[in-house]
Amino acid sequence: MGKRITDYPHTISFRLTDEAWLGIQKQIAGTNLTTHEWCRKAALERLNNNYGLSKAERLLFEHFVRAQYLVTQGFQLLADDNLTGDQWKKLRAIATERASELADNALALRAQRSREGS
């Protein structure tokens, strides 16, 4: 068996009521997560601004949001017949510089919609 790529040197444990335990069991039903894995993910989600993204997932999400931004803005400029080579370069630079901000805005909007029940 190979060695773990990521080292997890710290362990956390805590006690739960029967009600909380059953709640977690309901959450993980139908998944391949163990109770311990679910709790670890829940704690990390809270640590990551309730977005629940690992660093790798965040990087992929930023690339996705950047692409979405470029597609929507690019098509709008095309529809308005205003897309030039210089305009496209400027748009790509903005998307690259603001990828993190665009991702934060998308995640905040999603969180707001979730709170509103949409």
C-alpha atoms as a PDB file:
ATOM      1  CA  MET A   1       0.000   0.000   0.000  1.00  0.00           C
ATOM      2  CA  GLY A   2       1.316   3.457  -0.885  1.00  0.00           C
ATOM      3  CA  LYS A   3       2.016   6.234   1.542  1.00  0.00           C
ATOM      4  CA  ARG A   4      -0.554   9.020   1.945  1.00  0.00           C
ATOM      5  CA  ILE A   5       0.163  12.035  -0.192  1.00  0.00           C
ATOM      6  CA  THR A   6      -1.283  14.419   2.399  1.00  0.00           C
ATOM      7  CA  ASP A   7      -0.206  14.162   6.006  1.00  0.00           C
ATOM      8  CA  TYR A   8      -2.889  14.692   8.647  1.00  0.00           C
ATOM      9  CA  PRO A   9      -0.948  14.999  11.921  1.00  0.00           C
ATOM     10  CA  HIS A  10      -3.851  16.226  14.077  1.00  0.00           C
ATOM     11  CA  THR A  11      -6.902  14.372  15.343  1.00  0.00           C
ATOM     12  CA  ILE A  12     -10.108  15.870  16.684  1.00  0.00           C
ATOM     13  CA  SER A  13     -12.837  13.929  18.444  1.00  0.00           C
ATOM     14  CA  PHE A  14     -16.075  14.964  20.097  1.00  0.00           C
ATOM     15  CA  ARG A  15     -19.251  13.490  21.516  1.00  0.00           C
ATOM     16  CA  LEU A  16     -22.709  13.710  19.955  1.00  0.00           C
ATOM     17  CA  THR A  17     -26.249  13.246  21.160  1.00  0.00           C
ATOM     18  CA  ASP A  18     -28.273  10.447  19.618  1.00  0.00           C
ATOM     19  CA  GLU A  19     -30.251  13.064  17.708  1.00  0.00           C
ATOM     20  CA  ALA A  20     -27.105  14.627  16.184  1.00  0.00           C
ATOM     21  CA  TRP A  21     -25.697  11.182  15.352  1.00  0.00           C
ATOM     22  CA  LEU A  22     -28.894  10.203  13.540  1.00  0.00           C
ATOM     23  CA  GLY A  23     -28.881  13.533  11.707  1.00  0.00           C
ATOM     24  CA  ILE A  24     -25.390  12.828  10.405  1.00  0.00           C
ATOM     25  CA  GLN A  25     -26.420   9.301   9.444  1.00  0.00           C
ATOM     26  CA  LYS A  26     -29.279  10.741   7.374  1.00  0.00           C
ATOM     27  CA  GLN A  27     -26.895  13.181   5.684  1.00  0.00           C
ATOM     28  CA  ILE A  28     -24.461  10.451   4.634  1.00  0.00           C
ATOM     29  CA  ALA A  29     -27.083   7.912   3.586  1.00  0.00           C
ATOM     30  CA  GLY A  30     -26.511   6.969  -0.032  1.00  0.00           C
ATOM     31  CA  THR A  31     -22.972   8.360  -0.109  1.00  0.00           C
ATOM     32  CA  ASN A  32     -19.669   6.605   0.327  1.00  0.00           C
ATOM     33  CA  LEU A  33     -18.679   8.908   3.199  1.00  0.00           C
ATOM     34  CA  THR A  34     -18.104   7.674   6.708  1.00  0.00           C
ATOM     35  CA  THR A  35     -19.363   9.666   9.661  1.00  0.00           C
ATOM     36  CA  HIS A  36     -15.810  10.782  10.395  1.00  0.00           C
ATOM     37  CA  GLU A  37     -15.219  11.913   6.806  1.00  0.00           C
ATOM     38  CA  TRP A  38     -18.499  13.842   6.773  1.00  0.00           C
ATOM     39  CA  CYS A  39     -17.597  15.644  10.016  1.00  0.00           C
ATOM     40  CA  ARG A  40     -14.130  16.467   8.670  1.00  0.00           C
ATOM     41  CA  LYS A  41     -15.633  17.901   5.482  1.00  0.00           C
ATOM     42  CA  ALA A  42     -18.191  19.899   7.497  1.00  0.00           C
ATOM     43  CA  ALA A  43     -15.457  21.426   9.650  1.00  0.00           C
ATOM     44  CA  LEU A  44     -13.334  22.285   6.614  1.00  0.00           C
ATOM     45  CA  GLU A  45     -16.350  23.756   4.863  1.00  0.00           C
ATOM     46  CA  ARG A  46     -16.865  26.102   7.798  1.00  0.00           C
ATOM     47  CA  LEU A  47     -13.186  27.009   7.713  1.00  0.00           C
ATOM     48  CA  ASN A  48     -13.372  27.774   3.992  1.00  0.00           C
ATOM     49  CA  ASN A  49     -16.112  30.415   4.345  1.00  0.00           C
ATOM     50  CA  ASN A  50     -18.910  27.849   4.102  1.00  0.00           C
ATOM     51  CA  TYR A  51     -18.034  27.177   0.477  1.00  0.00           C
ATOM     52  CA  GLY A  52     -16.783  23.650   1.162  1.00  0.00           C
ATOM     53  CA  LEU A  53     -14.060  23.793  -1.477  1.00  0.00           C
ATOM     54  CA  SER A  54     -10.618  22.335  -1.068  1.00  0.00           C
ATOM     55  CA  LYS A  55      -7.708  24.313  -2.510  1.00  0.00           C
ATOM     56  CA  ALA A  56      -7.728  22.180  -5.670  1.00  0.00           C
ATOM     57  CA  GLU A  57     -11.494  22.515  -6.034  1.00  0.00           C
ATOM     58  CA  ARG A  58     -11.216  26.270  -5.541  1.00  0.00           C
ATOM     59  CA  LEU A  59      -8.604  26.482  -8.305  1.00  0.00           C
ATOM     60  CA  LEU A  60     -10.837  24.538 -10.688  1.00  0.00           C
ATOM     61  CA  PHE A  61     -13.830  26.654  -9.713  1.00  0.00           C
ATOM     62  CA  GLU A  62     -11.890  29.865 -10.410  1.00  0.00           C
ATOM     63  CA  HIS A  63     -10.971  28.553 -13.862  1.00  0.00           C
ATOM     64  CA  PHE A  64     -14.597  27.656 -14.546  1.00  0.00           C
ATOM     65  CA  VAL A  65     -15.888  31.069 -13.406  1.00  0.00           C
ATOM     66  CA  ARG A  66     -13.193  32.803 -15.455  1.00  0.00           C
ATOM     67  CA  ALA A  67     -14.264  30.858 -18.554  1.00  0.00           C
ATOM     68  CA  GLN A  68     -17.920  31.649 -17.881  1.00  0.00           C
ATOM     69  CA  TYR A  69     -17.060  35.342 -17.553  1.00  0.00           C
ATOM     70  CA  LEU A  70     -15.126  35.322 -20.827  1.00  0.00           C
ATOM     71  CA  VAL A  71     -17.892  33.506 -22.684  1.00  0.00           C
ATOM     72  CA  THR A  72     -20.686  35.776 -21.460  1.00  0.00           C
ATOM     73  CA  GLN A  73     -18.753  39.010 -21.935  1.00  0.00           C
ATOM     74  CA  GLY A  74     -17.287  37.883 -25.262  1.00  0.00           C
ATOM     75  CA  PHE A  75     -20.678  36.908 -26.690  1.00  0.00           C
ATOM     76  CA  GLN A  76     -22.177  40.190 -25.517  1.00  0.00           C
ATOM     77  CA  LEU A  77     -19.422  42.132 -27.276  1.00  0.00           C
ATOM     78  CA  LEU A  78     -19.943  40.008 -30.389  1.00  0.00           C
ATOM     79  CA  ALA A  79     -23.693  40.620 -30.292  1.00  0.00           C
ATOM     80  CA  ASP A  80     -23.054  44.347 -29.994  1.00  0.00           C
ATOM     81  CA  ASP A  81     -20.479  44.079 -32.818  1.00  0.00           C
ATOM     82  CA  ASN A  82     -17.841  45.622 -30.537  1.00  0.00           C
ATOM     83  CA  LEU A  83     -15.366  42.754 -30.139  1.00  0.00           C
ATOM     84  CA  THR A  84     -11.902  43.681 -31.341  1.00  0.00           C
ATOM     85  CA  GLY A  85      -8.573  42.003 -30.733  1.00  0.00           C
ATOM     86  CA  ASP A  86      -7.599  44.680 -28.232  1.00  0.00           C
ATOM     87  CA  GLN A  87     -10.950  44.456 -26.476  1.00  0.00           C
ATOM     88  CA  TRP A  88     -10.586  40.657 -26.179  1.00  0.00           C
ATOM     89  CA  LYS A  89      -7.042  40.986 -24.749  1.00  0.00           C
ATOM     90  CA  LYS A  90      -8.337  43.494 -22.205  1.00  0.00           C
ATOM     91  CA  LEU A  91     -11.206  41.176 -21.266  1.00  0.00           C
ATOM     92  CA  ARG A  92      -8.820  38.218 -20.817  1.00  0.00           C
ATOM     93  CA  ALA A  93      -6.524  40.315 -18.606  1.00  0.00           C
ATOM     94  CA  ILE A  94      -9.452  41.401 -16.438  1.00  0.00           C
ATOM     95  CA  ALA A  95     -10.665  37.806 -16.105  1.00  0.00           C
ATOM     96  CA  THR A  96      -7.194  36.615 -15.125  1.00  0.00           C
ATOM     97  CA  GLU A  97      -6.601  39.386 -12.585  1.00  0.00           C
ATOM     98  CA  ARG A  98     -10.052  39.100 -11.039  1.00  0.00           C
ATOM     99  CA  ALA A  99     -10.559  35.302 -11.113  1.00  0.00           C
ATOM    100  CA  SER A 100     -10.574  35.033  -7.323  1.00  0.00           C
ATOM    101  CA  GLU A 101     -12.980  37.952  -6.964  1.00  0.00           C
ATOM    102  CA  LEU A 102     -15.287  36.541  -9.642  1.00  0.00           C
ATOM    103  CA  ALA A 103     -15.312  33.173  -7.846  1.00  0.00           C
ATOM    104  CA  ASP A 104     -16.042  34.819  -4.485  1.00  0.00           C
ATOM    105  CA  ASN A 105     -18.942  36.724  -6.031  1.00  0.00           C
ATOM    106  CA  ALA A 106     -20.358  33.577  -7.651  1.00  0.00           C
ATOM    107  CA  LEU A 107     -20.122  31.637  -4.382  1.00  0.00           C
ATOM    108  CA  ALA A 108     -21.648  34.476  -2.370  1.00  0.00           C
ATOM    109  CA  LEU A 109     -24.523  34.732  -4.843  1.00  0.00           C
ATOM    110  CA  ARG A 110     -25.106  30.974  -4.589  1.00  0.00           C
ATOM    111  CA  ALA A 111     -25.050  31.111  -0.794  1.00  0.00           C
ATOM    112  CA  GLN A 112     -27.550  33.977  -0.833  1.00  0.00           C
ATOM    113  CA  ARG A 113     -29.864  32.040  -3.144  1.00  0.00           C
ATOM    114  CA  SER A 114     -29.599  28.981  -0.893  1.00  0.00           C
ATOM    115  CA  ARG A 115     -30.566  31.063   2.153  1.00  0.00           C
ATOM    116  CA  GLU A 116     -33.538  32.496   0.281  1.00  0.00           C
ATOM    117  CA  GLY A 117     -34.678  29.004  -0.640  1.00  0.00           C
ATOM    118  CA  SER A 118     -34.305  29.363  -4.396  1.00  0.00           C
END
